[in-house]
PDB file of all heavy atoms in Angstrom:
ATOM      1  N   THR A   1      45.614  72.596  31.872  1.00  0.00           N
ATOM      2  CA  THR A   1      45.379  71.167  32.115  1.00  0.00           C
ATOM      3  C   THR A   1      45.336  70.861  33.609  1.00  0.00           C
ATOM      4  O   THR A   1      44.495  70.078  34.079  1.00  0.00           O
ATOM      5  CB  THR A   1      46.471  70.328  31.431  1.00  0.00           C
ATOM      6  OG1 THR A   1      46.514  70.658  30.032  1.00  0.00           O
ATOM      7  CG2 THR A   1      46.193  68.840  31.585  1.00  0.00           C
ATOM      8  N   LEU A   2      46.229  71.474  34.381  1.00  0.00           N
ATOM      9  CA  LEU A   2      46.215  71.291  35.829  1.00  0.00           C
ATOM     10  C   LEU A   2      44.923  71.824  36.440  1.00  0.00           C
ATOM     11  O   LEU A   2      44.333  71.200  37.336  1.00  0.00           O
ATOM     12  CB  LEU A   2      47.416  71.987  36.453  1.00  0.00           C
ATOM     13  CG  LEU A   2      48.783  71.330  36.267  1.00  0.00           C
ATOM     14  CD1 LEU A   2      49.890  72.235  36.784  1.00  0.00           C
ATOM     15  CD2 LEU A   2      48.835  69.970  36.991  1.00  0.00           C
ATOM     16  N   ALA A   3      44.467  72.994  35.953  1.00  0.00           N
ATOM     17  CA  ALA A   3      43.232  73.579  36.479  1.00  0.00           C
ATOM     18  C   ALA A   3      42.037  72.663  36.251  1.00  0.00           C
ATOM     19  O   ALA A   3      41.139  72.575  37.099  1.00  0.00           O
ATOM     20  CB  ALA A   3      42.993  74.951  35.840  1.00  0.00           C
ATOM     21  N   ASP A   4      42.026  71.962  35.110  1.00  0.00           N
ATOM     22  CA  ASP A   4      40.937  71.012  34.839  1.00  0.00           C
ATOM     23  C   ASP A   4      40.919  69.879  35.861  1.00  0.00           C
ATOM     24  O   ASP A   4      39.873  69.259  36.091  1.00  0.00           O
ATOM     25  CB  ASP A   4      41.081  70.434  33.430  1.00  0.00           C
ATOM     26  CG  ASP A   4      40.788  71.466  32.345  1.00  0.00           C
ATOM     27  OD1 ASP A   4      40.140  72.484  32.665  1.00  0.00           O
ATOM     28  OD2 ASP A   4      41.206  71.253  31.198  1.00  0.00           O
ATOM     29  N   LEU A   5      42.087  69.616  36.450  1.00  0.00           N
ATOM     30  CA  LEU A   5      42.194  68.566  37.466  1.00  0.00           C
ATOM     31  C   LEU A   5      42.065  69.145  38.879  1.00  0.00           C
ATOM     32  O   LEU A   5      42.211  68.406  39.860  1.00  0.00           O
ATOM     33  CB  LEU A   5      43.548  67.856  37.332  1.00  0.00           C
ATOM     34  CG  LEU A   5      43.818  67.142  35.999  1.00  0.00           C
ATOM     35  CD1 LEU A   5      45.250  66.615  35.960  1.00  0.00           C
ATOM     36  CD2 LEU A   5      42.830  65.998  35.802  1.00  0.00           C
ATOM     37  N   GLY A   6      41.830  70.448  38.969  1.00  0.00           N
ATOM     38  CA  GLY A   6      41.731  71.084  40.275  1.00  0.00           C
ATOM     39  C   GLY A   6      43.085  71.265  40.949  1.00  0.00           C
ATOM     40  O   GLY A   6      43.160  71.342  42.176  1.00  0.00           O
ATOM     41  N   LEU A   7      44.154  71.354  40.148  1.00  0.00           N
ATOM     42  CA  LEU A   7      45.510  71.433  40.689  1.00  0.00           C
ATOM     43  C   LEU A   7      46.214  72.688  40.189  1.00  0.00           C
ATOM     44  O   LEU A   7      45.821  73.279  39.180  1.00  0.00           O
ATOM     45  CB  LEU A   7      46.318  70.198  40.266  1.00  0.00           C
ATOM     46  CG  LEU A   7      45.775  68.834  40.717  1.00  0.00           C
ATOM     47  CD1 LEU A   7      46.542  67.713  40.023  1.00  0.00           C
ATOM     48  CD2 LEU A   7      45.863  68.704  42.232  1.00  0.00           C
ATOM     49  N   THR A   8      47.265  73.081  40.894  1.00  0.00           N
ATOM     50  CA  THR A   8      48.120  74.185  40.471  1.00  0.00           C
ATOM     51  C   THR A   8      49.572  73.810  40.738  1.00  0.00           C
ATOM     52  O   THR A   8      49.854  72.872  41.498  1.00  0.00           O
ATOM     53  CB  THR A   8      47.804  75.493  41.237  1.00  0.00           C
ATOM     54  OG1 THR A   8      48.003  75.274  42.637  1.00  0.00           O
ATOM     55  CG2 THR A   8      46.372  75.939  40.976  1.00  0.00           C
ATOM     56  N   ARG A   9      50.471  74.532  40.116  1.00  0.00           N
ATOM     57  CA  ARG A   9      51.898  74.353  40.398  1.00  0.00           C
ATOM     58  C   ARG A   9      52.442  75.653  41.001  1.00  0.00           C
ATOM     59  O   ARG A   9      51.880  76.729  40.782  1.00  0.00           O
ATOM     60  CB  ARG A   9      52.678  74.004  39.120  1.00  0.00           C
ATOM     61  CG  ARG A   9      52.516  75.006  37.996  1.00  0.00           C
ATOM     62  CD  ARG A   9      53.335  74.637  36.771  1.00  0.00           C
ATOM     63  NE  ARG A   9      53.049  75.512  35.638  1.00  0.00           N
ATOM     64  CZ  ARG A   9      53.743  75.535  34.522  1.00  0.00           C
ATOM     65  NH1 ARG A   9      54.784  74.738  34.369  1.00  0.00           N
ATOM     66  NH2 ARG A   9      53.415  76.354  33.538  1.00  0.00           N
ATOM     67  N   ARG A  10      53.510  75.540  41.747  1.00  0.00           N
ATOM     68  CA  ARG A  10      54.112  76.721  42.350  1.00  0.00           C
ATOM     69  C   ARG A  10      55.176  77.265  41.410  1.00  0.00           C
ATOM     70  O   ARG A  10      56.128  76.561  41.045  1.00  0.00           O
ATOM     71  CB  ARG A  10      54.745  76.367  43.704  1.00  0.00           C
ATOM     72  CG  ARG A  10      55.375  77.587  44.395  1.00  0.00           C
ATOM     73  CD  ARG A  10      55.591  77.337  45.880  1.00  0.00           C
ATOM     74  NE  ARG A  10      56.552  76.279  46.131  1.00  0.00           N
ATOM     75  CZ  ARG A  10      57.857  76.491  46.284  1.00  0.00           C
ATOM     76  NH1 ARG A  10      58.339  77.727  46.183  1.00  0.00           N
ATOM     77  NH2 ARG A  10      58.676  75.487  46.538  1.00  0.00           N
ATOM     78  N   VAL A  11      55.015  78.506  41.015  1.00  0.00           N
ATOM     79  CA  VAL A  11      55.946  79.154  40.092  1.00  0.00           C
ATOM     80  C   VAL A  11      56.918  80.008  40.890  1.00  0.00           C
ATOM     81  O   VAL A  11      56.508  80.906  41.631  1.00  0.00           O
ATOM     82  CB  VAL A  11      55.201  80.017  39.062  1.00  0.00           C
ATOM     83  CG1 VAL A  11      56.189  80.780  38.188  1.00  0.00           C
ATOM     84  CG2 VAL A  11      54.284  79.143  38.209  1.00  0.00           C
ATOM     85  N   ALA A  12      58.204  79.728  40.749  1.00  0.00           N
ATOM     86  CA  ALA A  12      59.229  80.481  41.461  1.00  0.00           C
ATOM     87  C   ALA A  12      59.859  81.573  40.603  1.00  0.00           C
ATOM     88  O   ALA A  12      60.285  82.607  41.114  1.00  0.00           O
ATOM     89  CB  ALA A  12      60.325  79.535  41.956  1.00  0.00           C
ATOM     90  N   VAL A  13      59.926  81.336  39.282  1.00  0.00           N
ATOM     91  CA  VAL A  13      60.577  82.290  38.380  1.00  0.00           C
ATOM     92  C   VAL A  13      59.771  82.370  37.084  1.00  0.00           C
ATOM     93  O   VAL A  13      59.323  81.346  36.563  1.00  0.00           O
ATOM     94  CB  VAL A  13      62.023  81.865  38.043  1.00  0.00           C
ATOM     95  CG1 VAL A  13      62.706  82.920  37.161  1.00  0.00           C
ATOM     96  CG2 VAL A  13      62.836  81.619  39.302  1.00  0.00           C
ATOM     97  N   ARG A  14      59.602  83.609  36.582  1.00  0.00           N
ATOM     98  CA  ARG A  14      58.988  83.827  35.271  1.00  0.00           C
ATOM     99  C   ARG A  14      59.980  84.579  34.386  1.00  0.00           C
ATOM    100  O   ARG A  14      60.571  85.565  34.817  1.00  0.00           O
ATOM    101  CB  ARG A  14      57.697  84.645  35.385  1.00  0.00           C
ATOM    102  CG  ARG A  14      56.570  83.979  36.138  1.00  0.00           C
ATOM    103  CD  ARG A  14      55.317  84.852  36.139  1.00  0.00           C
ATOM    104  NE  ARG A  14      54.292  84.308  36.983  1.00  0.00           N
ATOM    105  CZ  ARG A  14      53.410  83.387  36.608  1.00  0.00           C
ATOM    106  NH1 ARG A  14      53.445  82.942  35.345  1.00  0.00           N
ATOM    107  NH2 ARG A  14      52.504  82.923  37.440  1.00  0.00           N
ATOM    108  N   THR A  15      60.154  84.128  33.171  1.00  0.00           N
ATOM    109  CA  THR A  15      61.026  84.806  32.210  1.00  0.00           C
ATOM    110  C   THR A  15      60.325  84.869  30.856  1.00  0.00           C
ATOM    111  O   THR A  15      59.194  84.393  30.708  1.00  0.00           O
ATOM    112  CB  THR A  15      62.373  84.084  32.041  1.00  0.00           C
ATOM    113  OG1 THR A  15      62.189  82.936  31.195  1.00  0.00           O
ATOM    114  CG2 THR A  15      62.958  83.641  33.374  1.00  0.00           C
ATOM    115  N   THR A  16      60.997  85.421  29.870  1.00  0.00           N
ATOM    116  CA  THR A  16      60.494  85.409  28.496  1.00  0.00           C
ATOM    117  C   THR A  16      61.337  84.499  27.612  1.00  0.00           C
ATOM    118  O   THR A  16      61.263  84.592  26.389  1.00  0.00           O
ATOM    119  CB  THR A  16      60.503  86.834  27.912  1.00  0.00           C
ATOM    120  OG1 THR A  16      61.834  87.342  27.949  1.00  0.00           O
ATOM    121  CG2 THR A  16      59.578  87.756  28.691  1.00  0.00           C
ATOM    122  N   SER A  17      62.114  83.606  28.215  1.00  0.00           N
ATOM    123  CA  SER A  17      63.085  82.833  27.439  1.00  0.00           C
ATOM    124  C   SER A  17      63.151  81.381  27.893  1.00  0.00           C
ATOM    125  O   SER A  17      63.476  81.096  29.049  1.00  0.00           O
ATOM    126  CB  SER A  17      64.477  83.470  27.564  1.00  0.00           C
ATOM    127  OG  SER A  17      65.474  82.620  27.064  1.00  0.00           O
ATOM    128  N   PHE A  18      62.871  80.458  26.973  1.00  0.00           N
ATOM    129  CA  PHE A  18      63.038  79.040  27.266  1.00  0.00           C
ATOM    130  C   PHE A  18      64.504  78.695  27.491  1.00  0.00           C
ATOM    131  O   PHE A  18      64.834  77.888  28.366  1.00  0.00           O
ATOM    132  CB  PHE A  18      62.490  78.185  26.114  1.00  0.00           C
ATOM    133  CG  PHE A  18      60.990  78.127  26.045  1.00  0.00           C
ATOM    134  CD1 PHE A  18      60.307  78.643  24.965  1.00  0.00           C
ATOM    135  CD2 PHE A  18      60.255  77.538  27.065  1.00  0.00           C
ATOM    136  CE1 PHE A  18      58.928  78.582  24.885  1.00  0.00           C
ATOM    137  CE2 PHE A  18      58.872  77.461  27.005  1.00  0.00           C
ATOM    138  CZ  PHE A  18      58.210  77.997  25.907  1.00  0.00           C
ATOM    139  N   VAL A  19      65.376  79.289  26.691  1.00  0.00           N
ATOM    140  CA  VAL A  19      66.806  79.005  26.836  1.00  0.00           C
ATOM    141  C   VAL A  19      67.294  79.454  28.206  1.00  0.00           C
ATOM    142  O   VAL A  19      68.051  78.740  28.883  1.00  0.00           O
ATOM    143  CB  VAL A  19      67.605  79.700  25.716  1.00  0.00           C
ATOM    144  CG1 VAL A  19      69.107  79.564  25.962  1.00  0.00           C
ATOM    145  CG2 VAL A  19      67.241  79.106  24.356  1.00  0.00           C
ATOM    146  N   SER A  20      66.870  80.617  28.649  1.00  0.00           N
ATOM    147  CA  SER A  20      67.239  81.102  29.975  1.00  0.00           C
ATOM    148  C   SER A  20      66.737  80.159  31.057  1.00  0.00           C
ATOM    149  O   SER A  20      67.449  79.854  32.020  1.00  0.00           O
ATOM    150  CB  SER A  20      66.674  82.511  30.194  1.00  0.00           C
ATOM    151  OG  SER A  20      66.923  82.954  31.512  1.00  0.00           O
ATOM    152  N   ASN A  21      65.521  79.677  30.895  1.00  0.00           N
ATOM    153  CA  ASN A  21      64.961  78.758  31.892  1.00  0.00           C
ATOM    154  C   ASN A  21      65.782  77.479  31.989  1.00  0.00           C
ATOM    155  O   ASN A  21      66.038  76.972  33.085  1.00  0.00           O
ATOM    156  CB  ASN A  21      63.512  78.435  31.547  1.00  0.00           C
ATOM    157  CG  ASN A  21      62.588  79.616  31.756  1.00  0.00           C
ATOM    158  OD1 ASN A  21      63.037  80.698  32.117  1.00  0.00           O
ATOM    159  ND2 ASN A  21      61.309  79.424  31.529  1.00  0.00           N
ATOM    160  N   LEU A  22      66.195  76.955  30.852  1.00  0.00           N
ATOM    161  CA  LEU A  22      67.010  75.745  30.872  1.00  0.00           C
ATOM    162  C   LEU A  22      68.364  75.999  31.528  1.00  0.00           C
ATOM    163  O   LEU A  22      68.888  75.143  32.245  1.00  0.00           O
ATOM    164  CB  LEU A  22      67.207  75.228  29.443  1.00  0.00           C
ATOM    165  CG  LEU A  22      66.000  74.527  28.817  1.00  0.00           C
ATOM    166  CD1 LEU A  22      66.182  74.362  27.315  1.00  0.00           C
ATOM    167  CD2 LEU A  22      65.767  73.164  29.467  1.00  0.00           C
ATOM    168  N   SER A  23      68.915  77.184  31.311  1.00  0.00           N
ATOM    169  CA  SER A  23      70.246  77.473  31.850  1.00  0.00           C
ATOM    170  C   SER A  23      70.238  77.629  33.363  1.00  0.00           C
ATOM    171  O   SER A  23      71.289  77.492  34.004  1.00  0.00           O
ATOM    172  CB  SER A  23      70.805  78.744  31.204  1.00  0.00           C
ATOM    173  OG  SER A  23      70.086  79.890  31.615  1.00  0.00           O
ATOM    174  N   MET A  24      69.084  77.922  33.959  1.00  0.00           N
ATOM    175  CA  MET A  24      69.060  78.119  35.409  1.00  0.00           C
ATOM    176  C   MET A  24      68.681  76.850  36.177  1.00  0.00           C
ATOM    177  O   MET A  24      68.540  76.872  37.391  1.00  0.00           O
ATOM    178  CB  MET A  24      68.105  79.267  35.774  1.00  0.00           C
ATOM    179  CG  MET A  24      66.647  78.991  35.590  1.00  0.00           C
ATOM    180  SD  MET A  24      65.625  80.409  36.144  1.00  0.00           S
ATOM    181  CE  MET A  24      66.014  81.637  34.917  1.00  0.00           C
ATOM    182  N   LEU A  25      68.563  75.712  35.491  1.00  0.00           N
ATOM    183  CA  LEU A  25      68.192  74.470  36.171  1.00  0.00           C
ATOM    184  C   LEU A  25      69.357  73.874  36.951  1.00  0.00           C
ATOM    185  O   LEU A  25      69.151  73.250  38.001  1.00  0.00           O
ATOM    186  CB  LEU A  25      67.673  73.454  35.151  1.00  0.00           C
ATOM    187  CG  LEU A  25      66.383  73.828  34.421  1.00  0.00           C
ATOM    188  CD1 LEU A  25      65.997  72.731  33.429  1.00  0.00           C
ATOM    189  CD2 LEU A  25      65.239  74.085  35.394  1.00  0.00           C
TER     190      LEU A  25
END
């Protein structure tokens, strides 16, 4: 969706777990 708008976001961390992502906020 961002690409369709000509935009990108900066990704700092990639994981395989939504729960892990929430825990590191």
